[in-house]
N, C-alpha and C. Protein backbone atom coordinates (compact mmCIF):
# COMPACT_ATOMS: atom_id res chain seq x y z
N MET A 1 -15.31 -16.20 5.64
CA MET A 1 -14.74 -15.84 4.84
C MET A 1 -15.41 -16.58 3.36
N SER A 2 -14.56 -15.53 2.65
CA SER A 2 -14.70 -15.92 0.78
C SER A 2 -13.38 -17.24 0.86
N LEU A 3 -12.88 -17.92 0.38
CA LEU A 3 -11.89 -18.82 0.08
C LEU A 3 -11.33 -18.03 -0.74
N PHE A 4 -12.14 -17.20 -1.68
CA PHE A 4 -11.22 -16.41 -3.34
C PHE A 4 -10.58 -15.16 -2.15
N LYS A 5 -11.23 -14.06 -1.49
CA LYS A 5 -10.12 -13.37 -0.44
C LYS A 5 -9.10 -13.13 0.35
N PRO A 6 -8.37 -12.37 -0.85
CA PRO A 6 -6.86 -12.59 -0.22
C PRO A 6 -6.72 -12.01 1.62
N ASP A 7 -5.56 -12.12 2.34
CA ASP A 7 -5.81 -12.21 3.43
C ASP A 7 -5.14 -10.58 3.54
N TYR A 8 -4.65 -10.41 2.16
CA TYR A 8 -3.55 -8.77 1.81
C TYR A 8 -3.57 -8.71 0.91
N TYR A 9 -3.66 -7.30 -0.13
CA TYR A 9 -3.56 -7.00 -1.07
C TYR A 9 -3.08 -6.48 -1.97
N ILE A 10 -1.57 -5.91 -2.85
CA ILE A 10 -0.93 -5.91 -3.15
C ILE A 10 -1.34 -5.46 -4.67
N SER A 11 -0.83 -4.04 -5.05
CA SER A 11 0.05 -3.74 -6.17
C SER A 11 0.69 -4.19 -7.31
N SER A 12 1.56 -4.64 -6.33
CA SER A 12 2.95 -5.17 -7.03
C SER A 12 3.44 -5.77 -6.72
N PHE A 13 4.61 -6.78 -6.29
CA PHE A 13 5.64 -7.31 -5.06
C PHE A 13 6.34 -6.69 -4.46
N GLN A 14 6.18 -5.72 -4.88
CA GLN A 14 7.39 -4.64 -4.91
C GLN A 14 7.10 -3.27 -3.64
N ALA A 15 5.65 -3.65 -3.80
CA ALA A 15 4.55 -2.89 -2.61
C ALA A 15 4.75 -3.71 -1.08
N MET A 16 5.08 -4.90 -0.98
CA MET A 16 4.67 -5.75 0.12
C MET A 16 5.16 -5.31 1.03
N ASP A 17 5.39 -4.86 2.16
CA ASP A 17 5.42 -4.98 3.63
C ASP A 17 6.08 -5.55 4.29
N ILE A 18 7.27 -6.34 4.44
CA ILE A 18 7.59 -7.54 5.03
C ILE A 18 7.35 -7.43 6.25
N ASP A 19 7.86 -5.78 6.53
CA ASP A 19 6.68 -5.88 9.06
C ASP A 19 6.34 -7.07 8.92
N ARG A 20 4.61 -5.74 7.75
CA ARG A 20 2.88 -7.05 7.83
C ARG A 20 3.51 -8.68 8.23
N LEU A 21 4.07 -9.20 7.15
CA LEU A 21 4.61 -10.24 6.83
C LEU A 21 5.21 -10.87 8.52
N LYS A 22 6.01 -10.29 8.78
CA LYS A 22 7.24 -10.84 9.77
C LYS A 22 5.74 -10.73 11.48
N ARG A 23 5.35 -9.73 11.31
CA ARG A 23 4.45 -9.82 12.49
C ARG A 23 3.19 -10.85 12.59
N ALA A 24 2.61 -10.95 10.91
CA ALA A 24 1.93 -12.36 10.87
C ALA A 24 2.81 -13.76 11.39
N GLY A 25 3.48 -13.60 11.60
CA GLY A 25 4.41 -14.51 11.73
C GLY A 25 5.43 -15.04 10.36
N ILE A 26 5.02 -14.93 9.79
CA ILE A 26 5.66 -15.60 7.90
C ILE A 26 6.98 -16.10 7.60
N ARG A 27 7.33 -17.61 8.09
CA ARG A 27 8.68 -17.83 7.82
C ARG A 27 8.74 -18.44 6.89
N LEU A 28 7.77 -18.38 5.76
CA LEU A 28 7.71 -19.30 4.06
C LEU A 28 6.86 -18.77 3.59
N LEU A 29 7.81 -17.79 2.84
CA LEU A 29 6.68 -17.58 1.01
C LEU A 29 6.91 -18.55 -0.04
N LEU A 30 5.71 -18.29 -0.16
CA LEU A 30 5.81 -19.51 -1.49
C LEU A 30 5.56 -18.58 -2.66
N CYS A 31 6.03 -18.17 -3.37
CA CYS A 31 6.46 -16.72 -4.77
C CYS A 31 5.65 -17.68 -5.87
N ASP A 32 4.14 -17.45 -6.68
CA ASP A 32 4.14 -18.08 -8.02
C ASP A 32 4.78 -17.17 -8.40
N ILE A 33 4.91 -17.94 -10.23
CA ILE A 33 5.39 -17.00 -11.03
C ILE A 33 5.67 -15.98 -11.91
N ASP A 34 4.64 -16.85 -13.16
CA ASP A 34 3.45 -15.71 -13.82
C ASP A 34 3.23 -15.48 -13.27
N ASN A 35 3.26 -14.26 -14.47
CA ASN A 35 2.45 -13.48 -13.42
C ASN A 35 1.80 -12.24 -12.27
N THR A 36 3.01 -13.60 -10.83
CA THR A 36 2.89 -12.40 -9.85
C THR A 36 4.05 -11.75 -10.36
N LEU A 37 5.65 -12.53 -10.17
CA LEU A 37 6.92 -11.77 -10.21
C LEU A 37 7.36 -11.13 -11.73
N MET A 38 7.38 -11.96 -13.12
CA MET A 38 7.18 -11.58 -13.92
C MET A 38 6.19 -11.93 -15.02
N ALA A 39 6.26 -11.42 -15.69
CA ALA A 39 5.52 -11.58 -16.99
C ALA A 39 5.02 -12.61 -17.44
N TYR A 40 4.41 -14.09 -17.86
CA TYR A 40 4.71 -14.77 -18.88
C TYR A 40 5.32 -15.63 -19.80
N ASN A 41 5.32 -14.17 -20.15
CA ASN A 41 6.21 -14.31 -21.80
C ASN A 41 7.33 -14.06 -21.62
N GLU A 42 8.21 -13.63 -20.24
CA GLU A 42 9.17 -13.05 -20.19
C GLU A 42 10.34 -14.66 -19.37
N ALA A 43 12.03 -14.68 -20.26
CA ALA A 43 12.30 -15.79 -20.00
C ALA A 43 13.69 -15.60 -19.01
N VAL A 44 13.56 -14.20 -17.99
CA VAL A 44 14.77 -14.44 -17.52
C VAL A 44 13.91 -13.33 -15.98
N PRO A 45 14.52 -13.36 -14.25
CA PRO A 45 14.25 -12.59 -14.32
C PRO A 45 14.69 -11.01 -14.59
N ASN A 46 14.07 -10.60 -14.11
CA ASN A 46 14.21 -8.43 -13.70
C ASN A 46 15.22 -8.52 -12.87
N ALA A 47 15.75 -6.99 -12.50
CA ALA A 47 16.98 -6.40 -11.23
C ALA A 47 15.81 -6.52 -10.30
N LYS A 48 14.26 -5.95 -10.56
CA LYS A 48 13.70 -6.21 -9.23
C LYS A 48 13.25 -7.52 -8.88
N VAL A 49 12.78 -8.15 -9.47
CA VAL A 49 12.38 -9.72 -9.30
C VAL A 49 13.81 -9.94 -7.66
N VAL A 50 15.27 -10.06 -8.32
CA VAL A 50 16.53 -10.37 -7.74
C VAL A 50 16.33 -9.63 -7.03
N ALA A 51 15.98 -8.36 -6.55
CA ALA A 51 16.08 -7.83 -5.55
C ALA A 51 15.14 -7.84 -4.38
N PHE A 52 14.14 -7.32 -5.22
CA PHE A 52 12.59 -8.42 -4.02
C PHE A 52 13.45 -9.59 -3.33
N ILE A 53 13.75 -10.37 -4.14
CA ILE A 53 13.85 -11.94 -3.67
C ILE A 53 15.17 -12.12 -2.51
N ASP A 54 15.77 -11.39 -2.35
CA ASP A 54 16.83 -10.41 -1.58
C ASP A 54 16.50 -10.30 0.21
N ARG A 55 15.29 -9.23 -0.51
CA ARG A 55 15.18 -8.27 0.46
C ARG A 55 14.33 -9.47 1.65
N ILE A 56 13.77 -10.10 0.77
CA ILE A 56 13.20 -11.03 1.54
C ILE A 56 13.42 -11.90 2.25
N LYS A 57 14.79 -12.38 2.25
CA LYS A 57 15.32 -13.60 2.74
C LYS A 57 16.51 -12.86 3.47
N ALA A 58 16.22 -11.50 3.10
CA ALA A 58 17.15 -10.41 3.80
C ALA A 58 16.58 -10.53 5.25
N HIS A 59 16.28 -10.95 5.13
CA HIS A 59 14.70 -10.82 6.80
C HIS A 59 14.08 -11.82 7.42
N GLY A 60 15.05 -12.64 7.13
CA GLY A 60 14.62 -13.91 6.89
C GLY A 60 13.85 -14.80 7.22
N ILE A 61 13.31 -14.14 6.68
CA ILE A 61 12.00 -15.25 5.24
C ILE A 61 12.34 -16.26 4.82
N GLU A 62 12.88 -17.29 4.50
CA GLU A 62 13.22 -18.23 3.55
C GLU A 62 11.82 -18.09 2.70
N VAL A 63 12.30 -18.33 0.85
CA VAL A 63 11.75 -17.73 -0.10
C VAL A 63 11.08 -19.51 -0.85
N ALA A 64 10.43 -19.02 -0.82
CA ALA A 64 10.37 -21.27 -2.28
C ALA A 64 9.39 -20.56 -3.40
N LEU A 65 9.97 -21.00 -4.88
CA LEU A 65 8.66 -20.49 -5.80
C LEU A 65 8.05 -21.44 -6.24
N TYR A 66 6.20 -21.75 -5.66
CA TYR A 66 5.56 -21.92 -5.88
C TYR A 66 4.51 -22.33 -6.85
N SER A 67 4.84 -23.54 -8.10
CA SER A 67 4.21 -22.41 -9.25
C SER A 67 3.44 -24.21 -10.02
N ASN A 68 2.94 -23.46 -11.15
CA ASN A 68 2.07 -24.81 -11.92
C ASN A 68 2.84 -24.62 -12.88
N ALA A 69 3.57 -23.94 -13.22
CA ALA A 69 4.92 -23.54 -14.74
C ALA A 69 5.40 -25.85 -14.95
N SER A 70 6.02 -25.50 -15.74
CA SER A 70 6.99 -26.15 -16.09
C SER A 70 8.04 -27.54 -15.77
N LYS A 71 8.90 -27.59 -15.23
CA LYS A 71 10.03 -27.79 -14.55
C LYS A 71 10.50 -27.03 -14.78
N LYS A 72 11.18 -26.73 -16.19
CA LYS A 72 12.46 -26.30 -17.38
C LYS A 72 11.90 -25.14 -16.20
N ARG A 73 10.69 -23.89 -16.94
CA ARG A 73 10.35 -22.58 -16.36
C ARG A 73 11.08 -22.08 -15.25
N ALA A 74 10.41 -23.29 -13.75
CA ALA A 74 10.49 -23.22 -12.41
C ALA A 74 11.87 -22.80 -12.28
N PHE A 75 12.57 -23.54 -12.25
CA PHE A 75 14.08 -24.24 -12.41
C PHE A 75 15.23 -23.59 -12.31
N ARG A 76 14.76 -22.75 -14.07
CA ARG A 76 15.32 -21.57 -14.89
C ARG A 76 15.32 -20.01 -14.01
N PHE A 77 14.22 -19.33 -13.62
CA PHE A 77 14.29 -18.87 -12.50
C PHE A 77 14.50 -18.58 -11.52
N ALA A 78 14.56 -20.67 -10.33
CA ALA A 78 15.72 -20.41 -8.87
C ALA A 78 17.09 -20.11 -8.95
N ARG A 79 16.71 -20.70 -10.91
CA ARG A 79 18.72 -20.53 -10.88
C ARG A 79 18.55 -19.25 -10.69
N ASP A 80 18.05 -18.49 -10.90
CA ASP A 80 18.69 -17.26 -11.57
C ASP A 80 18.55 -16.36 -9.95
N LEU A 81 17.36 -16.79 -9.35
CA LEU A 81 17.00 -15.98 -8.33
C LEU A 81 17.62 -16.49 -6.38
N HIS A 82 18.08 -17.61 -6.76
CA HIS A 82 19.13 -18.13 -5.74
C HIS A 82 18.05 -18.43 -5.09
N VAL A 83 17.18 -19.26 -5.50
CA VAL A 83 16.26 -19.95 -4.14
C VAL A 83 15.73 -21.12 -4.40
N SER A 84 16.33 -21.82 -3.86
CA SER A 84 16.93 -23.34 -3.86
C SER A 84 15.66 -24.92 -3.68
N GLN A 85 14.77 -24.07 -3.06
CA GLN A 85 13.23 -25.07 -3.39
C GLN A 85 12.69 -24.47 -4.17
N VAL A 86 12.17 -25.17 -5.19
CA VAL A 86 10.96 -25.19 -6.72
C VAL A 86 9.98 -25.80 -6.16
N TYR A 87 8.93 -26.11 -6.58
CA TYR A 87 8.35 -27.18 -6.39
C TYR A 87 6.98 -26.26 -7.66
N TYR A 88 7.28 -26.90 -8.67
CA TYR A 88 6.02 -27.08 -10.40
C TYR A 88 5.25 -27.82 -10.21
N LEU A 89 5.39 -27.27 -11.31
CA LEU A 89 3.04 -28.06 -11.60
C LEU A 89 2.40 -28.36 -10.49
N SER A 90 2.68 -27.82 -9.46
CA SER A 90 2.32 -27.75 -7.81
C SER A 90 0.48 -28.44 -7.86
N LEU A 91 -0.47 -28.30 -9.20
CA LEU A 91 -1.86 -28.17 -9.56
C LEU A 91 -2.62 -27.68 -9.02
N LYS A 92 -1.68 -26.14 -8.45
CA LYS A 92 -3.09 -24.93 -7.70
C LYS A 92 -4.03 -25.82 -8.67
N PRO A 93 -4.84 -25.26 -7.77
CA PRO A 93 -5.46 -25.29 -6.04
C PRO A 93 -5.27 -26.18 -5.35
N LEU A 94 -5.73 -27.78 -5.12
CA LEU A 94 -5.29 -28.04 -4.90
C LEU A 94 -4.47 -27.89 -4.12
N PRO A 95 -4.81 -28.72 -2.53
CA PRO A 95 -4.47 -28.20 -1.25
C PRO A 95 -2.49 -28.94 -0.77
N PHE A 96 -2.46 -30.19 -1.75
CA PHE A 96 -2.70 -31.20 -1.02
C PHE A 96 -0.68 -31.45 -0.95
N LYS A 97 -0.38 -30.03 -2.28
CA LYS A 97 0.90 -30.27 -2.51
C LYS A 97 1.72 -29.18 -1.69
N PHE A 98 0.94 -27.64 -1.66
CA PHE A 98 0.76 -27.46 -0.23
C PHE A 98 1.07 -27.70 0.97
N TRP A 99 0.47 -28.62 1.03
CA TRP A 99 0.25 -29.34 3.19
C TRP A 99 1.77 -30.19 2.64
N LYS A 100 2.23 -30.73 0.99
CA LYS A 100 3.30 -31.59 1.92
C LYS A 100 5.20 -30.60 1.65
N VAL A 101 4.57 -29.40 1.29
CA VAL A 101 5.74 -28.24 1.57
C VAL A 101 5.94 -27.91 2.40
N ILE A 102 4.83 -27.33 3.19
CA ILE A 102 5.13 -26.91 4.75
C ILE A 102 5.00 -28.35 5.73
N LYS A 103 5.26 -29.34 5.41
CA LYS A 103 5.71 -31.01 6.70
C LYS A 103 6.93 -30.53 5.99
N ALA A 104 7.44 -30.75 4.63
CA ALA A 104 9.13 -31.02 4.21
C ALA A 104 9.99 -29.72 5.19
N HIS A 105 9.58 -28.26 5.32
CA HIS A 105 10.29 -27.14 5.67
C HIS A 105 9.89 -27.50 6.89
N GLY A 106 9.22 -27.82 7.73
CA GLY A 106 8.93 -27.46 9.48
C GLY A 106 8.56 -27.32 9.24
N TYR A 107 7.37 -26.31 9.13
CA TYR A 107 6.25 -24.87 9.52
C TYR A 107 5.00 -25.25 10.24
N THR A 108 4.74 -24.64 10.79
CA THR A 108 3.13 -24.69 10.58
C THR A 108 1.86 -24.11 9.77
N LYS A 109 1.38 -24.25 9.00
CA LYS A 109 0.89 -22.97 8.51
C LYS A 109 -0.02 -21.71 8.47
N LYS A 110 -0.21 -21.68 9.50
CA LYS A 110 0.17 -20.02 10.24
C LYS A 110 1.59 -19.32 9.76
N GLU A 111 2.05 -19.93 9.50
CA GLU A 111 3.71 -19.39 9.57
C GLU A 111 4.58 -19.30 7.47
N VAL A 112 3.35 -19.75 6.84
CA VAL A 112 3.97 -19.51 5.54
C VAL A 112 2.42 -19.46 4.67
N ALA A 113 2.95 -18.54 4.07
CA ALA A 113 1.88 -18.02 2.42
C ALA A 113 2.48 -17.79 1.93
N ILE A 114 1.47 -17.28 0.60
CA ILE A 114 1.37 -17.38 -0.25
C ILE A 114 0.67 -16.28 -1.78
N LEU A 115 2.15 -15.90 -2.09
CA LEU A 115 1.87 -14.66 -3.17
C LEU A 115 2.06 -14.69 -4.68
N GLY A 116 0.97 -14.60 -5.17
CA GLY A 116 -0.15 -15.25 -5.95
C GLY A 116 -0.45 -13.58 -7.20
N ASP A 117 -1.20 -13.99 -8.11
CA ASP A 117 -1.96 -12.80 -8.82
C ASP A 117 -3.50 -13.29 -9.74
N GLN A 118 -3.71 -14.45 -8.61
CA GLN A 118 -4.49 -15.47 -9.84
C GLN A 118 -6.34 -15.76 -8.09
N LEU A 119 -6.84 -15.06 -8.38
CA LEU A 119 -7.93 -15.64 -7.19
C LEU A 119 -8.19 -17.83 -7.25
N PHE A 120 -8.35 -18.18 -8.66
CA PHE A 120 -8.58 -19.05 -8.44
C PHE A 120 -7.75 -20.24 -8.56
N THR A 121 -6.51 -20.08 -8.45
CA THR A 121 -5.47 -21.18 -8.04
C THR A 121 -4.64 -20.77 -6.85
N ASP A 122 -3.60 -19.71 -6.50
CA ASP A 122 -3.27 -19.25 -5.42
C ASP A 122 -4.30 -18.76 -4.39
N MET A 123 -5.03 -18.26 -4.61
CA MET A 123 -6.46 -17.98 -2.96
C MET A 123 -6.53 -18.87 -2.30
N LEU A 124 -7.36 -19.16 -3.65
CA LEU A 124 -8.09 -20.40 -3.43
C LEU A 124 -7.70 -21.58 -2.55
N GLY A 125 -6.06 -21.82 -3.65
CA GLY A 125 -5.54 -23.91 -3.43
C GLY A 125 -4.92 -22.85 -1.58
N GLY A 126 -4.22 -21.56 -1.35
CA GLY A 126 -3.48 -21.14 -0.55
C GLY A 126 -4.85 -20.93 0.94
N HIS A 127 -6.55 -20.61 1.01
CA HIS A 127 -6.90 -20.60 1.73
C HIS A 127 -7.40 -22.27 2.08
N LEU A 128 -8.05 -23.10 1.41
CA LEU A 128 -8.22 -24.73 1.66
C LEU A 128 -6.16 -25.19 0.96
N ALA A 129 -5.29 -24.74 1.90
CA ALA A 129 -4.32 -25.34 2.23
C ALA A 129 -4.45 -24.56 3.69
N GLY A 130 -4.77 -23.50 3.90
CA GLY A 130 -5.01 -22.85 5.66
C GLY A 130 -3.68 -21.77 6.28
N ILE A 131 -3.41 -20.96 4.68
CA ILE A 131 -2.35 -20.65 4.43
C ILE A 131 -3.32 -18.99 4.21
N TYR A 132 -1.33 -18.08 4.77
CA TYR A 132 -1.39 -16.46 4.37
C TYR A 132 -1.97 -16.12 3.40
N THR A 133 -2.94 -16.07 2.71
CA THR A 133 -2.86 -15.27 1.04
C THR A 133 -2.27 -13.99 0.70
N ILE A 134 -1.66 -13.69 -0.54
CA ILE A 134 -1.45 -12.33 -0.43
C ILE A 134 -1.33 -12.91 -1.87
N LEU A 135 -2.59 -11.96 -2.27
CA LEU A 135 -3.08 -11.36 -4.33
C LEU A 135 -2.11 -10.03 -4.68
N THR A 136 -2.16 -10.26 -5.98
CA THR A 136 -1.21 -9.18 -6.56
C THR A 136 -1.95 -8.94 -7.37
N ALA A 137 -1.37 -7.32 -8.37
CA ALA A 137 -2.35 -7.26 -9.12
C ALA A 137 -1.08 -7.67 -10.37
N PRO A 138 -1.44 -8.88 -11.73
CA PRO A 138 -1.18 -8.69 -12.53
C PRO A 138 0.25 -8.33 -13.17
N ILE A 139 1.41 -9.12 -12.96
CA ILE A 139 2.34 -7.66 -13.46
C ILE A 139 2.41 -7.72 -15.09
N SER A 140 1.53 -8.74 -15.93
CA SER A 140 0.57 -7.89 -17.65
C SER A 140 -0.36 -8.28 -17.29
N LYS A 141 -1.19 -7.67 -18.62
CA LYS A 141 -2.37 -7.66 -18.89
C LYS A 141 -2.35 -9.32 -19.93
N ILE A 142 -1.18 -9.74 -20.88
CA ILE A 142 -1.03 -10.48 -21.49
C ILE A 142 -1.43 -12.00 -20.92
N ASP A 143 -2.07 -12.62 -20.69
CA ASP A 143 -2.13 -14.25 -20.28
C ASP A 143 -2.17 -14.86 -21.69
N ARG A 144 -2.06 -16.60 -20.88
CA ARG A 144 -1.56 -17.32 -21.28
C ARG A 144 -3.26 -18.32 -21.21
N SER A 145 -3.61 -18.32 -22.88
CA SER A 145 -5.18 -18.87 -23.50
C SER A 145 -6.07 -19.57 -21.75
N SER A 146 -5.31 -21.11 -20.92
CA SER A 146 -6.29 -21.33 -19.94
C SER A 146 -6.30 -19.65 -18.58
N THR A 147 -5.57 -19.01 -18.69
CA THR A 147 -5.36 -18.00 -17.67
C THR A 147 -6.19 -17.10 -18.24
N LYS A 148 -6.64 -16.73 -19.57
CA LYS A 148 -7.76 -15.82 -20.17
C LYS A 148 -8.92 -15.87 -19.67
N PHE A 149 -9.58 -17.62 -19.58
CA PHE A 149 -10.21 -17.96 -18.70
C PHE A 149 -10.66 -17.87 -18.07
N THR A 150 -9.88 -18.20 -17.01
CA THR A 150 -10.26 -18.16 -15.89
C THR A 150 -10.32 -16.33 -14.55
N ARG A 151 -9.62 -15.47 -16.06
CA ARG A 151 -9.31 -13.79 -15.69
C ARG A 151 -10.93 -13.84 -16.13
N LYS A 152 -12.11 -14.61 -16.54
CA LYS A 152 -13.39 -13.91 -17.19
C LYS A 152 -14.38 -14.70 -15.74
N PHE A 153 -14.01 -15.51 -15.65
CA PHE A 153 -14.75 -16.27 -13.90
C PHE A 153 -14.50 -15.38 -12.88
N GLU A 154 -12.56 -15.41 -12.65
CA GLU A 154 -12.39 -13.68 -11.98
C GLU A 154 -12.82 -12.79 -11.68
N ASN A 155 -13.31 -12.13 -12.02
CA ASN A 155 -13.98 -10.81 -11.95
C ASN A 155 -15.60 -10.58 -11.70
N LEU A 156 -15.99 -11.86 -12.23
CA LEU A 156 -17.29 -12.03 -11.15
C LEU A 156 -17.51 -12.69 -9.98
N VAL A 157 -16.31 -12.50 -9.64
CA VAL A 157 -16.10 -13.33 -7.98
C VAL A 157 -15.51 -12.00 -7.56
N PHE A 158 -14.32 -11.44 -7.84
CA PHE A 158 -14.31 -9.54 -7.53
C PHE A 158 -16.06 -8.72 -7.61
N LYS A 159 -16.60 -8.81 -8.37
CA LYS A 159 -17.66 -8.14 -8.28
C LYS A 159 -18.79 -9.26 -7.19
N HIS A 160 -19.23 -10.59 -6.67
CA HIS A 160 -19.04 -10.50 -5.61
C HIS A 160 -18.58 -10.58 -3.85
N LEU A 161 -17.38 -9.94 -3.90
CA LEU A 161 -16.24 -9.63 -2.79
C LEU A 161 -16.54 -7.94 -2.83
N GLU A 162 -17.70 -7.60 -3.42
CA GLU A 162 -17.57 -5.94 -4.07
C GLU A 162 -18.74 -5.38 -2.03
N LYS A 163 -19.73 -7.07 -2.25
CA LYS A 163 -20.57 -7.07 -1.80
C LYS A 163 -20.36 -6.82 0.06
N SER A 164 -18.80 -7.18 -0.01
CA SER A 164 -18.42 -7.49 1.20
C SER A 164 -17.43 -6.48 1.86
N GLY A 165 -17.13 -5.44 0.67
CA GLY A 165 -16.05 -4.62 1.05
C GLY A 165 -15.40 -4.61 0.55
N PHE A 166 -14.65 -5.12 -0.59
CA PHE A 166 -13.92 -5.49 -0.69
C PHE A 166 -13.31 -5.58 -3.00
N ARG A 167 -12.90 -4.13 -2.56
CA ARG A 167 -12.10 -3.61 -4.62
C ARG A 167 -11.47 -4.05 -4.68
N LYS A 168 -11.95 -4.61 -6.17
CA LYS A 168 -9.85 -4.59 -7.59
C LYS A 168 -10.27 -2.91 -6.95
N GLY A 169 -8.26 -3.14 -6.77
CA GLY A 169 -7.68 -2.15 -6.83
C GLY A 169 -7.40 -1.24 -6.14
N GLU A 170 -8.13 -1.97 -4.87
CA GLU A 170 -8.09 -0.82 -3.56
C GLU A 170 -7.62 -1.84 -2.73
N PHE A 171 -5.89 -1.98 -2.74
CA PHE A 171 -4.99 -2.08 -2.60
C PHE A 171 -4.53 -1.86 -0.63
N ASP A 172 -4.73 -3.22 -0.41
CA ASP A 172 -3.96 -2.95 1.25
C ASP A 172 -2.65 -1.92 1.54
N GLY A 173 -1.90 -1.51 0.81
CA GLY A 173 -0.76 -0.22 1.23
C GLY A 173 0.27 -0.58 0.30
């Protein structure tokens, strides 16, 4: 299995099948912020993001923000989204903070998922940590300069994944 291939591939967070997560035994959803839930240059979450987080929690799945964003940015969104657990400057794709979070929440690796928009941070980090990975198409085509650089390599990985039948833009649902 490729360290970059997601377990579940969706067009946006709004397309997520929560029953699929429940069937997979997911009890904690770690959500990336930038270009997963919101464009990186947006200052506040919109109503769709708030409704999504509320819907996940209403289904009995705990939600935490898990981002490489700064403390200030991460806590700003956590407050607006009513999410009590925030993990900022998470150093994705390194698995160490993932493991710390799993232990702190009292779950097993099989009960935790990461939702993100990048192969090199979210998918790789999730796989290295041994958790369920959910890739979403980026919210915006506008990225930070550091992300623009990795997107070029991401396209090479997508081309490699095509050999195994996984195609960029062909979503699971």
